[in-house]
């Protein structure tokens, strides 16, 4: 697990649900970079993606 993954999981523990835009602001990276980090974490099995009305919501996988 890399440093970005740890920061994302810490944020998810506090917020429960985040959007790609919220993560981009939190990490001070572009939306595309934040989306890439999140998709990598889905593949690794750490988080889940929920598509809702044009917005990607991300939650920690239980």
C-alpha atoms as a PDB file:
ATOM      1  CA  UNK A   1       0.000   0.000   0.000  1.00  0.00           C
ATOM      2  CA  UNK A   2       1.412   3.384  -0.996  1.00  0.00           C
ATOM      3  CA  UNK A   3       1.202   6.735   0.779  1.00  0.00           C
ATOM      4  CA  UNK A   4      -1.751   7.885  -1.327  1.00  0.00           C
ATOM      5  CA  UNK A   5      -3.722   4.760  -0.417  1.00  0.00           C
ATOM      6  CA  UNK A   6      -3.121   5.379   3.287  1.00  0.00           C
ATOM      7  CA  UNK A   7      -4.277   9.013   2.981  1.00  0.00           C
ATOM      8  CA  UNK A   8      -7.386   7.942   1.059  1.00  0.00           C
ATOM      9  CA  UNK A   9      -8.297   5.291   3.653  1.00  0.00           C
ATOM     10  CA  UNK A  10      -7.757   7.794   6.483  1.00  0.00           C
ATOM     11  CA  UNK A  11     -10.071  10.260   4.730  1.00  0.00           C
ATOM     12  CA  UNK A  12     -12.696   7.554   4.161  1.00  0.00           C
ATOM     13  CA  UNK A  13     -12.597   6.582   7.845  1.00  0.00           C
ATOM     14  CA  UNK A  14     -13.437  10.207   8.729  1.00  0.00           C
ATOM     15  CA  UNK A  15     -15.893  11.011   5.926  1.00  0.00           C
ATOM     16  CA  UNK A  16     -17.349   7.527   5.146  1.00  0.00           C
ATOM     17  CA  UNK A  17     -18.155   8.583   1.535  1.00  0.00           C
ATOM     18  CA  UNK A  18     -16.088  10.825  -0.747  1.00  0.00           C
ATOM     19  CA  UNK A  19     -16.210  12.003  -4.350  1.00  0.00           C
ATOM     20  CA  UNK A  20     -13.284  12.162  -6.751  1.00  0.00           C
ATOM     21  CA  UNK A  21     -13.395  15.967  -6.605  1.00  0.00           C
ATOM     22  CA  UNK A  22     -13.233  16.002  -2.804  1.00  0.00           C
ATOM     23  CA  UNK A  23     -10.211  13.712  -2.866  1.00  0.00           C
ATOM     24  CA  UNK A  24      -8.505  15.850  -5.516  1.00  0.00           C
ATOM     25  CA  UNK A  25      -8.878  18.922  -3.289  1.00  0.00           C
ATOM     26  CA  UNK A  26      -7.729  17.018  -0.203  1.00  0.00           C
ATOM     27  CA  UNK A  27      -4.576  15.638  -1.893  1.00  0.00           C
ATOM     28  CA  UNK A  28      -4.065  18.804  -3.973  1.00  0.00           C
ATOM     29  CA  UNK A  29      -3.923  16.856  -7.229  1.00  0.00           C
ATOM     30  CA  UNK A  30      -5.988  16.972 -10.422  1.00  0.00           C
ATOM     31  CA  UNK A  31      -9.343  15.212 -10.636  1.00  0.00           C
ATOM     32  CA  UNK A  32      -7.837  12.732 -13.131  1.00  0.00           C
ATOM     33  CA  UNK A  33      -5.027  11.819 -10.739  1.00  0.00           C
ATOM     34  CA  UNK A  34      -7.469  11.375  -7.848  1.00  0.00           C
ATOM     35  CA  UNK A  35      -9.687   9.162 -10.025  1.00  0.00           C
ATOM     36  CA  UNK A  36      -6.653   7.057 -10.983  1.00  0.00           C
ATOM     37  CA  UNK A  37      -5.687   6.541  -7.322  1.00  0.00           C
ATOM     38  CA  UNK A  38      -9.263   5.547  -6.485  1.00  0.00           C
ATOM     39  CA  UNK A  39      -9.576   3.103  -9.376  1.00  0.00           C
ATOM     40  CA  UNK A  40      -6.286   1.458  -8.384  1.00  0.00           C
ATOM     41  CA  UNK A  41      -7.665   0.986  -4.873  1.00  0.00           C
ATOM     42  CA  UNK A  42     -10.833  -0.624  -6.286  1.00  0.00           C
ATOM     43  CA  UNK A  43      -8.666  -3.111  -8.191  1.00  0.00           C
ATOM     44  CA  UNK A  44      -6.658  -3.810  -5.019  1.00  0.00           C
ATOM     45  CA  UNK A  45      -9.919  -4.441  -3.123  1.00  0.00           C
ATOM     46  CA  UNK A  46      -9.719  -1.598  -0.575  1.00  0.00           C
ATOM     47  CA  UNK A  47     -12.682   0.501  -1.688  1.00  0.00           C
ATOM     48  CA  UNK A  48     -15.893   0.328  -3.740  1.00  0.00           C
ATOM     49  CA  UNK A  49     -17.265   2.676  -6.389  1.00  0.00           C
ATOM     50  CA  UNK A  50     -20.928   3.661  -6.482  1.00  0.00           C
ATOM     51  CA  UNK A  51     -22.186   5.561  -9.536  1.00  0.00           C
ATOM     52  CA  UNK A  52     -25.032   7.888  -8.579  1.00  0.00           C
ATOM     53  CA  UNK A  53     -26.621  10.535 -10.813  1.00  0.00           C
ATOM     54  CA  UNK A  54     -23.420  11.362 -12.700  1.00  0.00           C
ATOM     55  CA  UNK A  55     -21.210  11.333  -9.598  1.00  0.00           C
ATOM     56  CA  UNK A  56     -18.790   8.641  -8.505  1.00  0.00           C
ATOM     57  CA  UNK A  57     -19.031   7.945  -4.785  1.00  0.00           C
ATOM     58  CA  UNK A  58     -16.281   5.997  -3.077  1.00  0.00           C
ATOM     59  CA  UNK A  59     -16.627   3.983   0.142  1.00  0.00           C
ATOM     60  CA  UNK A  60     -14.347   1.716   2.104  1.00  0.00           C
ATOM     61  CA  UNK A  61     -14.934  -1.941   1.340  1.00  0.00           C
ATOM     62  CA  UNK A  62     -16.157  -3.922   4.347  1.00  0.00           C
END
